[in-house]
Amino acid sequence: MRKRSLSNLIGTVILISATLIGGVLVYNYFQKSLTTMENMGQGVNIIANSQTISSNSQIIYIKITNDMQSQIKITGIYGIYQNGTQENITLSSNNIVPDVINKYINPGESISFVVYTSSSLQSIFLQYNDTQSNTIMSTQPVNLK
């Protein structure tokens, strides 16, 4: 006479249920992370044009527009070099006219300024604090060349 085991069936159902629940939790986590990354910096537009001054320096004209629903505070301007390294150009070069660090930009407003940097800088991006959510965000890099 064969004995049928109910515990094997229950164990299989529990294992499959745990796998499905774990999969749903992991999927939700990565979906939220992806949505956050997609929305990062989309409400702030940055336009930049560069002009070479000499073989090792350039001037960059930057315009930032706040299209978000909340006020932002500029916390840094970063440059990306040809080799991929990043540098906070607001700290390395205090040649920003006018000084925009820690400046607040209201919704719908724009600000323009000039930065003097190395000519090997390929692109720039802005880091800012969304004052409503108190979250540090970054814009997408803008190519200079």
N, C-alpha and C. Protein backbone atom coordinates (compact mmCIF):
# COMPACT_ATOMS: atom_id res chain seq x y z
N MET A 1 0.83 -1.15 0.00
CA MET A 1 0.00 0.00 0.00
C MET A 1 0.90 1.25 0.00
N ARG A 2 0.57 2.20 -0.90
CA ARG A 2 1.35 3.43 -0.99
C ARG A 2 0.74 4.48 -0.09
N LYS A 3 1.62 5.13 0.63
CA LYS A 3 1.16 6.24 1.47
C LYS A 3 1.33 7.55 0.70
N ARG A 4 0.33 8.31 0.70
CA ARG A 4 0.44 9.62 0.06
C ARG A 4 0.77 10.63 1.14
N SER A 5 1.72 11.50 0.77
CA SER A 5 2.19 12.49 1.75
C SER A 5 1.60 13.85 1.41
N LEU A 6 0.84 14.35 2.31
CA LEU A 6 0.26 15.67 2.14
C LEU A 6 1.29 16.76 2.44
N SER A 7 2.27 16.45 3.25
CA SER A 7 3.28 17.46 3.62
C SER A 7 4.14 17.86 2.42
N ASN A 8 4.40 16.94 1.48
CA ASN A 8 5.16 17.30 0.27
C ASN A 8 4.38 18.31 -0.57
N LEU A 9 3.11 18.11 -0.70
CA LEU A 9 2.26 19.02 -1.46
C LEU A 9 2.19 20.40 -0.80
N ILE A 10 2.01 20.43 0.49
CA ILE A 10 1.96 21.70 1.22
C ILE A 10 3.30 22.42 1.14
N GLY A 11 4.38 21.70 1.26
CA GLY A 11 5.71 22.29 1.16
C GLY A 11 5.95 22.92 -0.21
N THR A 12 5.51 22.24 -1.26
CA THR A 12 5.66 22.77 -2.62
C THR A 12 4.84 24.04 -2.80
N VAL A 13 3.63 24.05 -2.31
CA VAL A 13 2.77 25.24 -2.42
C VAL A 13 3.38 26.41 -1.65
N ILE A 14 3.89 26.15 -0.47
CA ILE A 14 4.53 27.22 0.32
C ILE A 14 5.76 27.76 -0.39
N LEU A 15 6.58 26.88 -0.95
CA LEU A 15 7.79 27.30 -1.67
C LEU A 15 7.45 28.15 -2.90
N ILE A 16 6.46 27.73 -3.67
CA ILE A 16 6.05 28.50 -4.85
C ILE A 16 5.48 29.85 -4.42
N SER A 17 4.67 29.87 -3.37
CA SER A 17 4.09 31.14 -2.89
C SER A 17 5.17 32.10 -2.41
N ALA A 18 6.14 31.60 -1.68
CA ALA A 18 7.24 32.45 -1.20
C ALA A 18 8.05 33.01 -2.36
N THR A 19 8.27 32.19 -3.38
CA THR A 19 9.02 32.66 -4.56
C THR A 19 8.25 33.77 -5.28
N LEU A 20 6.95 33.59 -5.45
CA LEU A 20 6.14 34.62 -6.12
C LEU A 20 6.10 35.92 -5.31
N ILE A 21 5.91 35.81 -4.02
CA ILE A 21 5.88 37.02 -3.17
C ILE A 21 7.22 37.73 -3.20
N GLY A 22 8.30 36.98 -3.11
CA GLY A 22 9.64 37.59 -3.19
C GLY A 22 9.88 38.28 -4.52
N GLY A 23 9.41 37.64 -5.61
CA GLY A 23 9.56 38.24 -6.93
C GLY A 23 8.80 39.55 -7.06
N VAL A 24 7.59 39.59 -6.52
CA VAL A 24 6.78 40.81 -6.55
C VAL A 24 7.44 41.92 -5.74
N LEU A 25 7.98 41.58 -4.58
CA LEU A 25 8.66 42.59 -3.76
C LEU A 25 9.89 43.16 -4.46
N VAL A 26 10.70 42.31 -5.05
CA VAL A 26 11.90 42.77 -5.77
C VAL A 26 11.49 43.62 -6.98
N TYR A 27 10.46 43.17 -7.72
CA TYR A 27 9.99 43.93 -8.88
C TYR A 27 9.53 45.32 -8.45
N ASN A 28 8.74 45.44 -7.40
CA ASN A 28 8.26 46.74 -6.92
C ASN A 28 9.41 47.64 -6.50
N TYR A 29 10.40 47.09 -5.83
CA TYR A 29 11.55 47.88 -5.39
C TYR A 29 12.28 48.48 -6.60
N PHE A 30 12.59 47.65 -7.59
CA PHE A 30 13.32 48.15 -8.75
C PHE A 30 12.45 49.07 -9.61
N GLN A 31 11.17 48.85 -9.66
CA GLN A 31 10.28 49.73 -10.41
C GLN A 31 10.26 51.13 -9.80
N LYS A 32 10.19 51.22 -8.47
CA LYS A 32 10.22 52.52 -7.81
C LYS A 32 11.56 53.21 -8.02
N SER A 33 12.65 52.45 -7.94
CA SER A 33 13.98 53.04 -8.15
C SER A 33 14.12 53.56 -9.57
N LEU A 34 13.64 52.81 -10.54
CA LEU A 34 13.72 53.22 -11.94
C LEU A 34 12.89 54.47 -12.19
N THR A 35 11.70 54.54 -11.63
CA THR A 35 10.85 55.72 -11.79
C THR A 35 11.51 56.95 -11.19
N THR A 36 12.13 56.79 -10.02
CA THR A 36 12.82 57.91 -9.38
C THR A 36 13.97 58.40 -10.25
N MET A 37 14.74 57.48 -10.81
CA MET A 37 15.88 57.86 -11.65
C MET A 37 15.40 58.53 -12.94
N GLU A 38 14.28 58.06 -13.50
CA GLU A 38 13.76 58.66 -14.73
C GLU A 38 13.29 60.09 -14.49
N ASN A 39 12.72 60.35 -13.33
CA ASN A 39 12.19 61.67 -13.03
C ASN A 39 13.25 62.62 -12.49
N MET A 40 14.43 62.11 -12.19
CA MET A 40 15.46 62.93 -11.58
C MET A 40 15.90 64.05 -12.52
N GLY A 41 15.76 65.25 -12.10
CA GLY A 41 16.26 66.38 -12.86
C GLY A 41 15.43 66.78 -14.06
N GLN A 42 14.26 66.19 -14.24
CA GLN A 42 13.49 66.51 -15.43
C GLN A 42 12.80 67.86 -15.35
N GLY A 43 12.58 68.38 -14.17
CA GLY A 43 11.89 69.64 -14.02
C GLY A 43 12.78 70.85 -14.10
N VAL A 44 14.09 70.66 -14.19
CA VAL A 44 15.04 71.76 -14.28
C VAL A 44 15.78 71.62 -15.60
N ASN A 45 15.71 72.65 -16.43
CA ASN A 45 16.37 72.64 -17.74
C ASN A 45 17.64 73.45 -17.68
N ILE A 46 18.67 72.93 -18.30
CA ILE A 46 19.95 73.63 -18.35
C ILE A 46 20.39 73.72 -19.81
N ILE A 47 20.77 74.91 -20.21
CA ILE A 47 21.30 75.16 -21.55
C ILE A 47 22.71 75.71 -21.37
N ALA A 48 23.67 75.16 -22.11
CA ALA A 48 25.05 75.60 -21.97
C ALA A 48 25.72 75.68 -23.33
N ASN A 49 26.47 76.76 -23.54
CA ASN A 49 27.29 76.96 -24.73
C ASN A 49 28.68 77.33 -24.29
N SER A 50 29.67 76.79 -24.99
CA SER A 50 31.06 77.09 -24.62
C SER A 50 31.77 77.80 -25.75
N GLN A 51 32.77 78.55 -25.35
CA GLN A 51 33.62 79.25 -26.31
C GLN A 51 35.05 79.15 -25.82
N THR A 52 35.95 78.68 -26.67
CA THR A 52 37.34 78.51 -26.30
C THR A 52 38.02 79.87 -26.21
N ILE A 53 38.72 80.08 -25.11
CA ILE A 53 39.46 81.33 -24.91
C ILE A 53 40.91 81.14 -25.31
N SER A 54 41.50 80.03 -24.86
CA SER A 54 42.88 79.68 -25.21
C SER A 54 42.96 78.17 -25.33
N SER A 55 44.16 77.66 -25.52
CA SER A 55 44.31 76.21 -25.71
C SER A 55 43.95 75.42 -24.45
N ASN A 56 43.94 76.07 -23.29
CA ASN A 56 43.64 75.33 -22.06
C ASN A 56 42.49 75.92 -21.25
N SER A 57 41.74 76.86 -21.81
CA SER A 57 40.61 77.41 -21.05
C SER A 57 39.45 77.75 -21.98
N GLN A 58 38.27 77.75 -21.38
CA GLN A 58 37.06 78.08 -22.13
C GLN A 58 36.11 78.82 -21.21
N ILE A 59 35.16 79.51 -21.82
CA ILE A 59 34.11 80.19 -21.08
C ILE A 59 32.79 79.48 -21.42
N ILE A 60 31.99 79.23 -20.40
CA ILE A 60 30.73 78.53 -20.60
C ILE A 60 29.59 79.45 -20.16
N TYR A 61 28.65 79.65 -21.06
CA TYR A 61 27.45 80.43 -20.77
C TYR A 61 26.35 79.44 -20.39
N ILE A 62 25.77 79.61 -19.22
CA ILE A 62 24.79 78.66 -18.70
C ILE A 62 23.48 79.38 -18.37
N LYS A 63 22.38 78.75 -18.75
CA LYS A 63 21.06 79.25 -18.39
C LYS A 63 20.29 78.09 -17.75
N ILE A 64 19.77 78.33 -16.55
CA ILE A 64 19.01 77.33 -15.82
C ILE A 64 17.58 77.83 -15.68
N THR A 65 16.62 76.98 -16.02
CA THR A 65 15.20 77.31 -15.89
C THR A 65 14.55 76.29 -14.97
N ASN A 66 13.83 76.78 -13.97
CA ASN A 66 13.13 75.91 -13.03
C ASN A 66 11.70 75.71 -13.52
N ASP A 67 11.41 74.54 -14.10
CA ASP A 67 10.07 74.20 -14.57
C ASP A 67 9.34 73.31 -13.57
N MET A 68 9.88 73.19 -12.37
CA MET A 68 9.24 72.38 -11.34
C MET A 68 8.15 73.19 -10.65
N GLN A 69 7.36 72.55 -9.82
CA GLN A 69 6.30 73.21 -9.07
C GLN A 69 6.81 73.82 -7.77
N SER A 70 8.07 73.53 -7.43
CA SER A 70 8.62 74.01 -6.17
C SER A 70 9.92 74.77 -6.42
N GLN A 71 10.33 75.49 -5.41
CA GLN A 71 11.57 76.26 -5.45
C GLN A 71 12.76 75.30 -5.38
N ILE A 72 13.86 75.65 -6.07
CA ILE A 72 15.08 74.86 -5.98
C ILE A 72 16.22 75.73 -5.47
N LYS A 73 17.22 75.07 -4.92
CA LYS A 73 18.42 75.75 -4.44
C LYS A 73 19.62 75.10 -5.13
N ILE A 74 20.41 75.89 -5.84
CA ILE A 74 21.57 75.37 -6.55
C ILE A 74 22.65 75.01 -5.54
N THR A 75 23.13 73.76 -5.61
CA THR A 75 24.16 73.31 -4.67
C THR A 75 25.50 73.04 -5.34
N GLY A 76 25.53 72.92 -6.65
CA GLY A 76 26.80 72.69 -7.32
C GLY A 76 26.67 72.59 -8.82
N ILE A 77 27.75 72.91 -9.50
CA ILE A 77 27.84 72.75 -10.95
C ILE A 77 29.04 71.84 -11.19
N TYR A 78 28.82 70.74 -11.89
CA TYR A 78 29.85 69.74 -12.08
C TYR A 78 30.21 69.61 -13.54
N GLY A 79 31.49 69.38 -13.79
CA GLY A 79 31.96 69.16 -15.14
C GLY A 79 32.43 67.74 -15.32
N ILE A 80 32.26 67.22 -16.52
CA ILE A 80 32.74 65.88 -16.87
C ILE A 80 33.82 66.05 -17.94
N TYR A 81 35.00 65.50 -17.67
CA TYR A 81 36.14 65.64 -18.58
C TYR A 81 36.14 64.53 -19.62
N GLN A 82 37.03 64.65 -20.60
CA GLN A 82 37.14 63.69 -21.69
C GLN A 82 37.40 62.28 -21.19
N ASN A 83 38.13 62.15 -20.09
CA ASN A 83 38.45 60.82 -19.57
C ASN A 83 37.35 60.27 -18.66
N GLY A 84 36.25 61.00 -18.47
CA GLY A 84 35.13 60.53 -17.69
C GLY A 84 35.12 60.98 -16.23
N THR A 85 36.18 61.61 -15.78
CA THR A 85 36.21 62.07 -14.39
C THR A 85 35.31 63.30 -14.22
N GLN A 86 34.81 63.46 -13.00
CA GLN A 86 33.94 64.59 -12.68
C GLN A 86 34.64 65.52 -11.71
N GLU A 87 34.29 66.79 -11.81
CA GLU A 87 34.86 67.79 -10.90
C GLU A 87 33.79 68.82 -10.58
N ASN A 88 33.74 69.21 -9.33
CA ASN A 88 32.84 70.28 -8.92
C ASN A 88 33.51 71.59 -9.33
N ILE A 89 33.07 72.15 -10.43
CA ILE A 89 33.74 73.35 -10.94
C ILE A 89 33.42 74.58 -10.11
N THR A 90 32.42 74.50 -9.27
CA THR A 90 32.13 75.64 -8.40
C THR A 90 33.11 75.72 -7.25
N LEU A 91 33.75 74.59 -6.91
CA LEU A 91 34.75 74.60 -5.85
C LEU A 91 36.15 74.80 -6.40
N SER A 92 36.43 74.20 -7.56
CA SER A 92 37.78 74.28 -8.11
C SER A 92 38.07 75.63 -8.75
N SER A 93 37.03 76.30 -9.20
CA SER A 93 37.20 77.58 -9.87
C SER A 93 36.16 78.54 -9.32
N ASN A 94 36.59 79.53 -8.59
CA ASN A 94 35.65 80.51 -8.04
C ASN A 94 35.40 81.63 -9.03
N ASN A 95 35.46 81.31 -10.32
CA ASN A 95 35.27 82.32 -11.37
C ASN A 95 33.86 82.27 -11.93
N ILE A 96 32.87 82.17 -11.08
CA ILE A 96 31.49 82.15 -11.55
C ILE A 96 30.92 83.55 -11.41
N VAL A 97 30.37 84.05 -12.50
CA VAL A 97 29.82 85.40 -12.49
C VAL A 97 28.36 85.32 -12.91
N PRO A 98 27.38 85.71 -12.15
CA PRO A 98 27.45 86.01 -10.72
C PRO A 98 27.52 84.72 -9.91
N ASP A 99 27.79 84.82 -8.63
CA ASP A 99 27.87 83.65 -7.78
C ASP A 99 26.47 83.06 -7.61
N VAL A 100 26.29 81.81 -8.03
CA VAL A 100 24.96 81.20 -8.01
C VAL A 100 24.82 80.07 -6.99
N ILE A 101 25.89 79.72 -6.34
CA ILE A 101 25.82 78.64 -5.37
C ILE A 101 24.96 79.09 -4.19
N ASN A 102 24.08 78.20 -3.76
CA ASN A 102 23.10 78.44 -2.69
C ASN A 102 22.04 79.48 -3.08
N LYS A 103 21.90 79.73 -4.37
CA LYS A 103 20.87 80.65 -4.85
C LYS A 103 19.58 79.88 -5.07
N TYR A 104 18.47 80.50 -4.69
CA TYR A 104 17.15 79.90 -4.87
C TYR A 104 16.54 80.37 -6.18
N ILE A 105 15.89 79.45 -6.89
CA ILE A 105 15.20 79.77 -8.13
C ILE A 105 13.74 79.35 -7.96
N ASN A 106 12.84 80.29 -8.09
CA ASN A 106 11.41 80.03 -7.93
C ASN A 106 10.86 79.32 -9.16
N PRO A 107 9.71 78.67 -9.05
CA PRO A 107 9.10 78.02 -10.22
C PRO A 107 8.87 79.00 -11.36
N GLY A 108 9.26 78.59 -12.57
CA GLY A 108 9.09 79.43 -13.75
C GLY A 108 10.19 80.43 -13.98
N GLU A 109 11.10 80.61 -13.04
CA GLU A 109 12.18 81.59 -13.19
C GLU A 109 13.41 80.96 -13.85
N SER A 110 14.26 81.84 -14.40
CA SER A 110 15.52 81.42 -15.01
C SER A 110 16.65 82.25 -14.42
N ILE A 111 17.85 81.70 -14.52
CA ILE A 111 19.04 82.41 -14.11
C ILE A 111 20.13 82.10 -15.13
N SER A 112 20.93 83.11 -15.46
CA SER A 112 22.03 82.93 -16.40
C SER A 112 23.33 83.35 -15.73
N PHE A 113 24.41 82.66 -16.07
CA PHE A 113 25.71 83.00 -15.52
C PHE A 113 26.81 82.44 -16.40
N VAL A 114 28.04 82.80 -16.07
CA VAL A 114 29.21 82.44 -16.86
C VAL A 114 30.20 81.71 -15.96
N VAL A 115 30.83 80.65 -16.51
CA VAL A 115 31.85 79.88 -15.78
C VAL A 115 33.09 79.80 -16.66
N TYR A 116 34.25 80.02 -16.05
CA TYR A 116 35.53 79.84 -16.73
C TYR A 116 36.13 78.51 -16.30
N THR A 117 36.44 77.63 -17.27
CA THR A 117 36.94 76.30 -16.94
C THR A 117 38.04 75.87 -17.89
N SER A 118 38.52 74.67 -17.65
CA SER A 118 39.51 74.03 -18.52
C SER A 118 38.85 73.70 -19.86
N SER A 119 39.64 73.76 -20.92
CA SER A 119 39.09 73.47 -22.25
C SER A 119 38.84 71.98 -22.46
N SER A 120 39.32 71.13 -21.56
CA SER A 120 39.10 69.69 -21.71
C SER A 120 37.77 69.24 -21.14
N LEU A 121 36.99 70.17 -20.61
CA LEU A 121 35.67 69.84 -20.07
C LEU A 121 34.73 69.52 -21.23
N GLN A 122 34.06 68.35 -21.17
CA GLN A 122 33.18 67.91 -22.25
C GLN A 122 31.72 68.24 -22.02
N SER A 123 31.26 68.12 -20.77
CA SER A 123 29.86 68.38 -20.47
C SER A 123 29.72 68.83 -19.02
N ILE A 124 28.57 69.38 -18.72
CA ILE A 124 28.31 69.85 -17.35
C ILE A 124 26.93 69.39 -16.92
N PHE A 125 26.73 69.34 -15.61
CA PHE A 125 25.40 69.11 -15.06
C PHE A 125 25.27 69.88 -13.77
N LEU A 126 24.04 70.10 -13.38
CA LEU A 126 23.71 70.91 -12.22
C LEU A 126 23.21 70.00 -11.10
N GLN A 127 23.63 70.29 -9.89
CA GLN A 127 23.09 69.61 -8.72
C GLN A 127 22.30 70.64 -7.93
N TYR A 128 21.10 70.27 -7.49
CA TYR A 128 20.25 71.21 -6.80
C TYR A 128 19.42 70.49 -5.74
N ASN A 129 18.89 71.28 -4.83
CA ASN A 129 18.03 70.77 -3.76
C ASN A 129 16.60 71.19 -4.06
N ASP A 130 15.71 70.20 -4.19
CA ASP A 130 14.28 70.48 -4.33
C ASP A 130 13.79 70.82 -2.93
N THR A 131 13.46 72.09 -2.70
CA THR A 131 13.13 72.54 -1.34
C THR A 131 11.83 71.95 -0.81
N GLN A 132 10.94 71.53 -1.69
CA GLN A 132 9.67 70.95 -1.23
C GLN A 132 9.89 69.57 -0.63
N SER A 133 10.66 68.73 -1.31
CA SER A 133 10.91 67.38 -0.81
C SER A 133 12.24 67.26 -0.08
N ASN A 134 13.03 68.35 -0.09
CA ASN A 134 14.36 68.37 0.52
C ASN A 134 15.21 67.22 -0.01
N THR A 135 15.20 67.07 -1.35
CA THR A 135 15.94 66.01 -2.03
C THR A 135 16.99 66.64 -2.93
N ILE A 136 18.21 66.11 -2.87
CA ILE A 136 19.27 66.55 -3.78
C ILE A 136 19.08 65.83 -5.10
N MET A 137 19.03 66.59 -6.20
CA MET A 137 18.83 66.02 -7.53
C MET A 137 19.88 66.57 -8.49
N SER A 138 19.98 65.93 -9.65
CA SER A 138 20.91 66.37 -10.68
C SER A 138 20.21 66.42 -12.02
N THR A 139 20.65 67.35 -12.87
CA THR A 139 20.14 67.39 -14.23
C THR A 139 20.92 66.39 -15.06
N GLN A 140 20.43 66.12 -16.26
CA GLN A 140 21.18 65.29 -17.19
C GLN A 140 22.36 66.11 -17.70
N PRO A 141 23.50 65.47 -17.98
CA PRO A 141 24.66 66.21 -18.50
C PRO A 141 24.35 66.87 -19.84
N VAL A 142 24.89 68.08 -20.02
CA VAL A 142 24.72 68.83 -21.26
C VAL A 142 26.08 68.90 -21.95
N ASN A 143 26.12 68.45 -23.21
CA ASN A 143 27.36 68.46 -23.98
C ASN A 143 27.78 69.88 -24.32
N LEU A 144 29.07 70.16 -24.22
CA LEU A 144 29.58 71.50 -24.52
C LEU A 144 30.15 71.58 -25.94
N LYS A 145 30.57 70.51 -26.49
CA LYS A 145 31.24 70.55 -27.79
C LYS A 145 30.29 70.21 -28.91
